Every structure is written in C-alpha cells, then in structure tokens.
Amino acid sequence: MSDIRFEGWLHKTGTGGVYQDAAGNVGIASTQPKTRLDIGNGGFQVGPTGIATVTTVNTTNLVNATPLTNRNLIINGAMRIAQRGDVASVTSGYGGADRFKFDRNGATAVTLKQGGASDSPVSEGFSNCQHIDITTADTSMGSANYNLLTTRLEGYNLQGIQKGTANARELTLSFYIKSTVTGTYIAELVDQTNSARHVNKAYTVSVSNTWEKKEITFPADTTGTVTSDHNRRLDINWWLGAGSTYNSGTLQTSWGSDTNANRAVGQVNAVNSASNDIMITGVQLEVGSVATPFEHRPYGEDERQCHRYYYLAHEMNGLGGEKPINLGVGENSSTICSIIRFPITMRTVPTMETASASNLFMFREDNNSHSFNTLSLRYATRMAAEFTQSGSVSLTSAVGGMLRGAGDAATVAFQAEL
C-alpha cells in the first residue's frame, strides 16, 4: 500500500487542532507548520534531523535562560576541599572547608572542621560539610557582639548578576543546615563595592540537630554596579548570633544602605553553649528566582578554584621521616634558596604561611644535612614564590640539593584570601 498524503486539518476544534501540509509536516495548534513537528506556531519545533527548538523552558527547577553549567557562584559549596584541616580556637579565620570563614566579636571560640559522611546529608548527595563546633560559648551577648559564617566573592565572578543596572537579576541561595539551636536565622548579602549595601532574609531551623534544606531568593538591586576586578565585592553571611547593635531595628528585606540595626533582627543565639554544633553544606548561589539542583563539579575543578585563594604546597600529614618540598640551592655559604610555581594564578600576590619548630625543615646535599626551623618568603608574584631558610646553616655556595620537611608539623602554604 502506498503512503497516503493529505493536506489540511486532520482534526480541528475551535481555533486549534492538528494540521498536515503537503510536505508531511504536522502542526499542532499551528496552521502553517515550518518543520516536521510544529507546536504553537514555533513554540516547540522538531526539524528533519531530530533537533528540537524550544522558545521557553519552564519546569519546577529551571527557568528560561538558566545556565546549564557554572550556575553556582559559590566555590567549594559541597565542602570537599579542606586544605587547612581542622583548626581549633578560631575567633576570626579559616579552617575546615576552604572558602568559608568564621568571624565574631565577643567571647566565642570554635573549632572549624570538615565533617565526613557520618556528619553529612549523604542521601542528598553530600559526603562533607563545614562543621562549626562551639568550644567557648557566648551566653550573654553584648550589644556589639556578632557571630557569623561567611564566604566572599570577587568582582570578576559577579558580572552576570547585572547588579546596579536596569537588568539586575534576582539571586537564589540554597543550602543544607543542621544546628543544635532551633528558631530564626538570618542570611545576608553585602555589596562591598557600594558602601556595604545589604539585604537580609530570615529562615527557620525547625528541628534540632537535623539536616534541613533552605531556599532563599533575594531581590534584584538596580542601584550600585559591582566592580569587575579581583577584590572582595560580595559577602554571603550566615548569622549565628547578634547583639542589639545588629538586631534592634527592622530586618532589611530589600536592598538598602548599611544599617547595622537591620542586619540580624530575630536571630537566635546559636553559640550559647559549648555543646552546640552548626553544620552546613550544599551551598549554591545562582541567578534567578528558582533554586535548581546543586551543581556537582569534578573534585579537581573544586580544588583548582580553591587554589586561587589558598594553596597548600607541602604537608607531612603523618607520613613520617623526610618528605620532599622542592629543589634548592646554596645561594651562598649561609643561605638556601628555592622557588615554587603555583598550579594556578593566585587572586593576588600571596603571603606565605609556614610552621615553625626546632629542626622542622632540612636541606640535603652531597650526603650532608642542614636542619633549620622554618622558611621565609623573599619575593612572590601571583604565579610563583621565592623563599629561603630561616635559621643558621653552613654550606658550600652554589651547591644544589633537596629541600625537605623533616617533622610531622612541617607545612608550607600561600594565601590570597579575600
């Protein structure tokens, strides 16, 4: 039997129906189909090679123009990279997961840890978290006291939000949180380009010590563009406690000028006991009003992004004995010199962080060992660093050798944090 070719309405109801033209193209609610299948006069088209053209995508977790990759503005949101390891007695600084800093005014001290699978919401796709372990509580906050977890973004990575223009975009923050203290918490965005303009939203921790997902949409801001550079331009803050300086006003739920009293209104004191813990993971900040599924990146990509801000060049990590750092040379009879190139261009010229203890490092040359306590930075660029030993040595000028860590605490790192 030969094919039957029909031109005209196959089925028609009111102003719509199914139409086929002489070429065999089919239109649904389309009287002049332009491709093999045309729905709604071009709203959805499938061409002869099977390529689909869709004018607008609307689903429960994507909006039109949502990027399919690189949606997440947060670095290390899954908390997998933790170059510093656990750090105790933190009052202002980093530890645990990279790129997330604890800051406070008051009595609080914490241990920052990278939580593993036993602490993390594995069923949601996360095997690590940032664990804030309260070790010294602030039971009665003074007016100027505050406690917060923060991550900071540089201007280069923020141009897509189009802040300060007529096309400014909403931003949606999503994350998982587990905290001992239930009640109202505050999340905050702070524009560091424009005199700390800020916007704050409340969310609720409903059940103690239970993982909960939070989704918060912040309004667009048509005031104040964000400078495109490598400097600190946007802070994302999770408030953990606040004195009256920060909670005595009206919560700033739309973008406005820096007003401390409006920043943490209603915030519970999550650091009021040394038995308290706060854990967070799955942090995503993206353009638009919808929280899309978390963008899981390859581990190596997360690590490389973190190296722009902090690069751990050497650690012993319980290996024992002597372990290599780099080649070195006797610049003269009393100075050992070495150079390290960074795996990625750092955000800015970094500072050097090294451990110091008796005979923690050594230089091995021609069967001779020279021990010393630490290393000192001499010169640095965003791409490399030159450093020397700190301590007395006696060697032959111009002799080459191997620079090593000689104790378990020997570390060498470079930091260019915001």
Protein backbone atom coordinates (compact mmCIF):
# COMPACT_ATOMS: atom_id res chain seq x y z
CA MET A 1 0.00 0.00 0.00
CA SER A 2 1.38 3.40 -0.88
CA ASP A 3 1.60 6.24 1.62
CA ILE A 4 -1.43 8.46 1.95
CA ARG A 5 -0.55 12.16 1.81
CA PHE A 6 -3.20 14.63 3.00
CA GLU A 7 -3.07 18.41 3.15
CA GLY A 8 -5.42 20.17 5.56
CA TRP A 9 -6.94 19.71 9.01
CA LEU A 10 -6.68 16.19 10.42
CA HIS A 11 -8.65 17.29 13.46
CA LYS A 12 -10.00 20.70 14.33
CA THR A 13 -11.61 22.02 17.47
CA GLY A 14 -12.41 25.72 17.74
CA THR A 15 -9.34 27.68 16.67
CA GLY A 16 -6.89 24.81 17.23
CA GLY A 17 -6.29 21.29 16.06
CA VAL A 18 -3.86 19.12 14.11
CA TYR A 19 -2.82 20.25 10.61
CA GLN A 20 -0.70 18.49 7.96
CA ASP A 21 0.75 20.22 4.92
CA ALA A 22 1.62 18.76 1.54
CA ALA A 23 5.21 18.01 2.65
CA GLY A 24 4.03 15.90 5.55
CA ASN A 25 4.87 18.46 8.23
CA VAL A 26 2.49 18.34 11.16
CA GLY A 27 1.33 21.33 13.16
CA ILE A 28 -0.46 21.20 16.49
CA ALA A 29 -2.29 24.47 17.08
CA SER A 30 -0.31 25.65 14.07
CA THR A 31 -1.86 26.16 10.63
CA GLN A 32 1.48 26.56 8.84
CA PRO A 33 3.98 24.07 10.28
CA LYS A 34 7.54 25.06 9.46
CA THR A 35 9.24 21.79 10.45
CA ARG A 36 8.41 18.10 10.81
CA LEU A 37 6.59 18.90 14.06
CA ASP A 38 5.49 22.42 14.98
CA ILE A 39 3.56 23.10 18.17
CA GLY A 40 2.03 26.50 18.78
CA ASN A 41 3.40 28.25 15.67
CA GLY A 42 7.08 27.86 16.60
CA GLY A 43 6.84 27.41 20.36
CA PHE A 44 8.27 23.88 20.03
CA GLN A 45 9.77 22.59 16.80
CA VAL A 46 11.42 19.34 15.74
CA GLY A 47 13.31 19.51 12.47
CA PRO A 48 14.09 16.75 9.96
CA THR A 49 17.31 15.77 11.77
CA GLY A 50 15.61 15.46 15.14
CA ILE A 51 16.88 18.77 16.53
CA ALA A 52 14.32 20.38 18.84
CA THR A 53 13.92 24.15 19.15
CA VAL A 54 12.18 25.41 22.29
CA THR A 55 11.31 29.07 22.81
CA THR A 56 10.91 28.95 26.60
CA VAL A 57 11.75 26.32 29.23
CA ASN A 58 9.65 26.26 32.37
CA THR A 59 9.99 23.38 34.82
CA THR A 60 9.96 23.00 38.56
CA ASN A 61 13.72 23.58 38.80
CA LEU A 62 14.80 25.53 35.68
CA VAL A 63 13.75 28.91 34.38
CA ASN A 64 14.29 30.36 30.93
CA ALA A 65 17.95 31.45 30.44
CA THR A 66 19.20 29.42 33.43
CA PRO A 67 22.78 28.34 32.58
CA LEU A 68 23.16 24.57 32.42
CA THR A 69 26.73 24.78 33.77
CA ASN A 70 28.61 27.19 36.02
CA ARG A 71 25.35 28.28 37.65
CA ASN A 72 26.77 28.18 41.13
CA LEU A 73 28.67 31.33 42.14
CA ILE A 74 29.93 29.64 45.32
CA ILE A 75 33.34 27.97 45.38
CA ASN A 76 33.54 24.67 47.33
CA GLY A 77 29.83 24.65 48.17
CA ALA A 78 29.96 20.87 48.74
CA MET A 79 32.75 21.42 51.31
CA ARG A 80 35.00 18.76 49.76
CA ILE A 81 38.23 20.78 49.78
CA ALA A 82 39.77 21.33 53.23
CA GLN A 83 43.45 22.18 52.78
CA ARG A 84 43.95 23.59 56.29
CA GLY A 85 42.34 20.64 58.05
CA ASP A 86 40.66 21.07 61.42
CA VAL A 87 41.59 24.34 63.15
CA ALA A 88 40.89 24.88 66.86
CA SER A 89 40.38 28.07 68.86
CA VAL A 90 39.18 30.10 65.88
CA THR A 91 37.85 33.57 66.69
CA SER A 92 38.25 35.02 63.20
CA GLY A 93 39.64 32.91 60.41
CA TYR A 94 39.54 29.82 58.26
CA GLY A 95 39.59 26.12 58.99
CA GLY A 96 37.78 23.01 57.87
CA ALA A 97 36.30 23.58 54.40
CA ASP A 98 38.08 26.08 52.17
CA ARG A 99 36.49 29.48 51.38
CA PHE A 100 34.21 29.55 54.46
CA LYS A 101 35.36 31.81 57.28
CA PHE A 102 34.12 32.18 60.86
CA ASP A 103 34.08 35.70 62.27
CA ARG A 104 32.92 37.12 65.58
CA ASN A 105 33.01 39.93 68.09
CA GLY A 106 32.68 38.67 71.65
CA ALA A 107 33.66 35.62 73.66
CA THR A 108 33.02 32.82 71.16
CA ALA A 109 35.72 30.42 70.03
CA VAL A 110 35.13 27.49 67.69
CA THR A 111 36.83 24.56 66.07
CA LEU A 112 36.28 24.56 62.31
CA LYS A 113 36.18 21.03 60.93
CA GLN A 114 35.45 19.30 57.68
CA GLY A 115 32.67 16.87 58.53
CA GLY A 116 32.71 13.49 56.79
CA ALA A 117 30.00 11.13 55.62
CA SER A 118 28.84 10.34 59.17
CA ASP A 119 28.08 14.05 59.73
CA SER A 120 26.77 14.95 56.28
CA PRO A 121 23.47 14.51 54.37
CA VAL A 122 24.73 11.66 52.17
CA SER A 123 21.22 10.85 50.97
CA GLU A 124 21.10 14.33 49.41
CA GLY A 125 24.41 13.85 47.61
CA PHE A 126 26.86 15.38 50.10
CA SER A 127 29.63 13.50 51.91
CA ASN A 128 31.22 16.55 53.51
CA CYS A 129 30.11 19.63 55.43
CA GLN A 130 31.56 22.62 57.24
CA HIS A 131 31.27 21.84 60.95
CA ILE A 132 31.34 24.75 63.41
CA ASP A 133 31.97 23.20 66.82
CA ILE A 134 31.40 25.73 69.60
CA THR A 135 34.17 25.33 72.18
CA THR A 136 33.81 28.63 74.06
CA ALA A 137 30.24 29.89 74.28
CA ASP A 138 28.90 33.43 74.29
CA THR A 139 25.97 33.00 76.67
CA SER A 140 25.09 36.68 77.01
CA MET A 141 25.94 38.78 74.01
CA GLY A 142 26.95 42.38 74.46
CA SER A 143 25.43 44.97 72.17
CA ALA A 144 28.34 44.94 69.70
CA ASN A 145 28.78 41.15 69.65
CA TYR A 146 28.19 39.13 66.50
CA ASN A 147 28.91 35.63 65.18
CA LEU A 148 28.71 34.60 61.55
CA LEU A 149 29.94 32.23 58.88
CA THR A 150 30.86 33.98 55.66
CA THR A 151 32.12 33.33 52.15
CA ARG A 152 33.37 36.16 49.94
CA LEU A 153 33.21 36.55 46.17
CA GLU A 154 35.44 38.59 43.88
CA GLY A 155 34.12 41.02 41.29
CA TYR A 156 35.20 39.02 38.24
CA ASN A 157 32.70 36.29 39.14
CA LEU A 158 29.73 38.60 39.72
CA GLN A 159 29.17 40.39 36.42
CA GLY A 160 26.38 38.02 35.41
CA ILE A 161 24.11 39.25 38.20
CA GLN A 162 23.97 42.65 36.41
CA LYS A 163 23.66 44.47 39.71
CA GLY A 164 23.15 48.22 39.51
CA THR A 165 21.58 48.09 36.05
CA ALA A 166 18.03 48.06 34.74
CA ASN A 167 18.55 44.35 34.01
CA ALA A 168 19.63 43.43 37.55
CA ARG A 169 18.84 39.81 38.44
CA GLU A 170 17.35 38.15 41.47
CA LEU A 171 19.65 35.77 43.34
CA THR A 172 18.65 32.50 44.98
CA LEU A 173 20.66 30.97 47.81
CA SER A 174 20.14 27.33 48.72
CA PHE A 175 21.91 25.20 51.30
CA TYR A 176 21.54 22.41 53.87
CA ILE A 177 21.92 23.27 57.55
CA LYS A 178 21.96 21.29 60.78
CA SER A 179 22.07 23.16 64.09
CA THR A 180 21.56 22.40 67.75
CA VAL A 181 19.55 25.59 68.33
CA THR A 182 16.18 25.93 66.58
CA GLY A 183 14.45 29.17 65.63
CA THR A 184 15.01 32.12 63.33
CA TYR A 185 18.31 32.59 61.50
CA ILE A 186 19.38 35.35 59.08
CA ALA A 187 21.11 35.04 55.71
CA GLU A 188 22.64 38.20 54.28
CA LEU A 189 24.20 39.56 51.08
CA VAL A 190 26.56 42.53 51.45
CA ASP A 191 27.73 44.59 48.46
CA GLN A 192 31.30 45.63 49.29
CA THR A 193 31.61 47.84 46.19
CA ASN A 194 28.84 50.22 47.23
CA SER A 195 29.35 51.16 50.89
CA ALA A 196 28.14 47.78 52.21
CA ARG A 197 24.63 47.93 50.78
CA HIS A 198 22.90 44.84 52.12
CA VAL A 199 19.79 42.68 52.00
CA ASN A 200 18.74 40.18 54.67
CA LYS A 201 16.26 37.31 54.79
CA ALA A 202 15.08 35.17 57.70
CA TYR A 203 14.76 31.38 57.61
CA THR A 204 13.85 28.84 60.28
CA VAL A 205 15.74 25.86 61.70
CA SER A 206 12.78 23.76 62.75
CA VAL A 207 14.29 20.61 64.26
CA SER A 208 17.38 20.38 66.45
CA ASN A 209 20.38 18.52 65.02
CA THR A 210 18.56 17.55 61.82
CA TRP A 211 19.54 18.35 58.25
CA GLU A 212 17.12 20.77 56.59
CA LYS A 213 17.27 22.35 53.13
CA LYS A 214 16.71 26.10 52.85
CA GLU A 215 15.96 28.14 49.71
CA ILE A 216 16.06 31.95 49.87
CA THR A 217 15.50 34.38 47.00
CA PHE A 218 16.96 37.87 47.28
CA PRO A 219 15.54 40.71 45.16
CA ALA A 220 17.39 42.34 42.28
CA ASP A 221 19.24 45.56 43.03
CA THR A 222 19.26 48.26 40.34
CA THR A 223 21.48 50.52 42.48
CA GLY A 224 25.26 50.21 42.52
CA THR A 225 27.19 48.22 39.93
CA VAL A 226 29.76 45.67 41.05
CA THR A 227 33.34 46.44 40.00
CA SER A 228 34.84 43.78 37.73
CA ASP A 229 38.12 43.00 39.44
CA HIS A 230 39.83 40.52 41.79
CA ASN A 231 38.80 42.30 45.01
CA ARG A 232 36.18 41.42 47.62
CA ARG A 233 32.84 42.55 46.19
CA LEU A 234 30.07 40.39 47.71
CA ASP A 235 29.79 38.70 51.10
CA ILE A 236 27.31 35.91 51.84
CA ASN A 237 26.78 35.77 55.61
CA TRP A 238 25.03 33.20 57.77
CA TRP A 239 24.35 34.89 61.11
CA LEU A 240 24.77 32.70 64.20
CA GLY A 241 24.25 35.30 66.93
CA ALA A 242 23.91 39.07 67.24
CA GLY A 243 23.80 41.77 69.92
CA SER A 244 21.45 44.74 69.95
CA THR A 245 23.66 46.75 67.59
CA TYR A 246 22.61 44.34 64.85
CA ASN A 247 19.09 43.24 65.83
CA SER A 248 17.29 46.27 67.26
CA GLY A 249 15.78 47.62 64.03
CA THR A 250 13.64 46.23 61.20
CA LEU A 251 15.03 43.43 59.05
CA GLN A 252 16.37 44.81 55.75
CA THR A 253 14.49 42.54 53.31
CA SER A 254 15.11 44.81 50.30
CA TRP A 255 18.46 46.23 49.26
CA GLY A 256 19.41 49.33 51.23
CA SER A 257 22.26 51.34 52.70
CA ASP A 258 24.38 49.91 55.51
CA THR A 259 22.27 49.96 58.68
CA ASN A 260 23.64 47.69 61.38
CA ALA A 261 20.41 47.59 63.41
CA ASN A 262 18.58 45.99 60.47
CA ARG A 263 21.01 43.18 59.73
CA ALA A 264 20.11 40.34 62.13
CA VAL A 265 16.67 41.10 63.57
CA GLY A 266 15.22 37.97 65.18
CA GLN A 267 18.46 35.96 65.03
CA VAL A 268 18.73 33.25 67.72
CA ASN A 269 21.92 32.76 69.71
CA ALA A 270 23.31 29.59 68.15
CA VAL A 271 26.60 29.87 70.08
CA ASN A 272 25.17 29.98 73.64
CA SER A 273 26.63 26.63 74.73
CA ALA A 274 29.87 24.73 74.24
CA SER A 275 27.66 21.74 73.41
CA ASN A 276 26.31 23.42 70.27
CA ASP A 277 27.17 22.48 66.70
CA ILE A 278 26.28 24.09 63.39
CA MET A 279 26.88 22.27 60.10
CA ILE A 280 26.31 23.50 56.57
CA THR A 281 26.78 22.08 53.06
CA GLY A 282 25.35 22.12 49.55
CA VAL A 283 25.69 25.89 49.28
CA GLN A 284 24.59 27.33 45.95
CA LEU A 285 24.05 30.96 44.88
CA GLU A 286 22.62 31.44 41.41
CA VAL A 287 20.90 33.95 39.18
CA GLY A 288 17.12 33.77 39.12
CA SER A 289 14.21 33.10 41.43
CA VAL A 290 14.40 29.29 41.40
CA ALA A 291 16.75 27.02 43.36
CA THR A 292 17.97 24.50 40.81
CA PRO A 293 19.54 21.16 41.81
CA PHE A 294 23.02 21.56 43.27
CA GLU A 295 25.72 21.76 40.62
CA HIS A 296 28.19 18.99 41.47
CA ARG A 297 31.56 19.79 39.93
CA PRO A 298 34.52 17.42 39.42
CA TYR A 299 36.70 17.27 42.54
CA GLY A 300 39.72 18.58 40.65
CA GLU A 301 37.77 21.63 39.50
CA ASP A 302 36.77 22.49 43.07
CA GLU A 303 40.37 22.05 44.19
CA ARG A 304 41.73 24.23 41.40
CA GLN A 305 39.27 27.03 42.19
CA CYS A 306 40.28 26.93 45.85
CA HIS A 307 43.97 27.17 44.93
CA ARG A 308 43.35 30.68 43.61
CA TYR A 309 42.83 31.77 47.24
CA TYR A 310 44.88 29.27 49.25
CA TYR A 311 47.49 26.76 48.10
CA LEU A 312 48.90 24.14 50.43
CA ALA A 313 52.26 23.39 48.83
CA HIS A 314 53.54 20.91 51.44
CA GLU A 315 52.29 18.93 54.41
CA MET A 316 53.65 15.79 56.08
CA ASN A 317 50.21 14.51 57.15
CA GLY A 318 51.60 11.75 59.33
CA LEU A 319 53.94 10.33 56.69
CA GLY A 320 56.98 10.49 58.97
CA GLY A 321 60.64 10.72 58.02
CA GLU A 322 61.78 13.33 55.48
CA LYS A 323 59.50 14.28 52.57
CA PRO A 324 60.26 16.48 49.53
CA ILE A 325 59.21 20.09 49.12
CA ASN A 326 61.34 21.22 46.18
CA LEU A 327 64.86 21.51 44.86
CA GLY A 328 67.04 24.18 46.44
CA VAL A 329 70.43 25.77 46.03
CA GLY A 330 73.03 27.25 48.32
CA GLU A 331 72.88 30.87 47.24
CA ASN A 332 75.93 31.49 49.41
CA SER A 333 77.52 29.75 52.36
CA SER A 334 74.67 30.69 54.73
CA THR A 335 71.52 30.93 52.57
CA ILE A 336 69.38 28.21 50.98
CA CYS A 337 67.05 29.43 48.26
CA SER A 338 64.15 27.71 46.47
CA ILE A 339 61.25 28.59 44.16
CA ILE A 340 57.74 27.15 43.94
CA ARG A 341 55.43 27.78 40.99
CA PHE A 342 51.73 27.77 41.84
CA PRO A 343 49.38 25.38 40.00
CA ILE A 344 47.06 28.28 39.16
CA THR A 345 47.45 32.04 39.08
CA MET A 346 46.52 33.26 42.55
CA ARG A 347 43.99 36.01 43.13
CA THR A 348 46.68 38.45 44.25
CA VAL A 349 50.33 38.26 45.35
CA PRO A 350 50.09 35.84 48.27
CA THR A 351 51.61 35.75 51.72
CA MET A 352 53.42 32.64 52.91
CA GLU A 353 52.38 30.54 55.88
CA THR A 354 54.84 28.02 57.33
CA ALA A 355 55.05 26.07 60.53
CA SER A 356 57.99 26.74 62.85
CA ALA A 357 59.67 24.38 65.31
CA SER A 358 63.12 23.10 66.08
CA ASN A 359 64.66 21.37 63.03
CA LEU A 360 61.28 21.13 61.28
CA PHE A 361 62.89 21.52 57.82
CA MET A 362 66.14 20.35 56.27
CA PHE A 363 68.32 20.68 53.17
CA ARG A 364 70.10 17.59 51.87
CA GLU A 365 73.15 17.96 49.61
CA ASP A 366 76.12 15.72 48.80
CA ASN A 367 75.45 13.48 51.84
CA ASN A 368 75.20 16.49 54.13
CA SER A 369 72.07 17.52 56.02
CA HIS A 370 71.36 21.06 57.21
CA SER A 371 68.44 21.45 59.62
CA PHE A 372 66.54 24.66 60.39
CA ASN A 373 63.25 25.73 61.93
CA THR A 374 61.17 27.40 59.23
CA LEU A 375 61.11 29.17 55.85
CA SER A 376 60.83 32.85 54.96
CA LEU A 377 59.28 34.41 51.88
CA ARG A 378 61.65 36.60 49.88
CA TYR A 379 59.72 37.50 46.72
CA ALA A 380 56.40 36.50 45.22
CA THR A 381 54.18 37.10 42.22
CA ARG A 382 50.73 35.71 41.52
CA MET A 383 52.45 32.81 39.71
CA ALA A 384 55.43 31.86 41.89
CA ALA A 385 57.29 32.43 45.16
CA GLU A 386 60.95 32.53 46.12
CA PHE A 387 61.87 31.72 49.71
CA THR A 388 64.85 30.99 51.95
CA GLN A 389 65.53 29.12 55.13
CA SER A 390 65.14 30.89 58.45
CA GLY A 391 67.94 29.76 60.74
CA SER A 392 71.71 29.36 60.69
CA VAL A 393 73.30 26.93 58.21
CA SER A 394 76.83 26.46 56.87
CA LEU A 395 77.24 25.03 53.38
CA THR A 396 79.13 25.34 50.13
CA SER A 397 78.00 28.20 47.91
CA ALA A 398 76.14 27.19 44.72
CA VAL A 399 75.62 23.61 45.86
CA GLY A 400 72.29 22.09 44.82
CA GLY A 401 70.18 19.84 46.96
CA MET A 402 66.75 18.76 48.13
CA LEU A 403 64.58 20.86 50.41
CA ARG A 404 62.50 18.66 52.70
CA GLY A 405 60.05 18.67 55.55
CA ALA A 406 61.61 16.82 58.46
CA GLY A 407 58.83 16.83 61.07
CA ASP A 408 55.16 15.94 61.04
CA ALA A 409 54.12 19.56 61.59
CA ALA A 410 56.05 20.87 58.56
CA THR A 411 53.67 22.80 56.30
CA VAL A 412 54.13 25.39 53.56
CA ALA A 413 51.16 27.31 52.20
CA PHE A 414 50.35 30.50 50.31
CA GLN A 415 47.21 32.54 50.94
CA ALA A 416 45.46 35.21 48.91
CA GLU A 417 42.03 35.16 50.57
CA LEU A 418 39.55 37.97 50.14
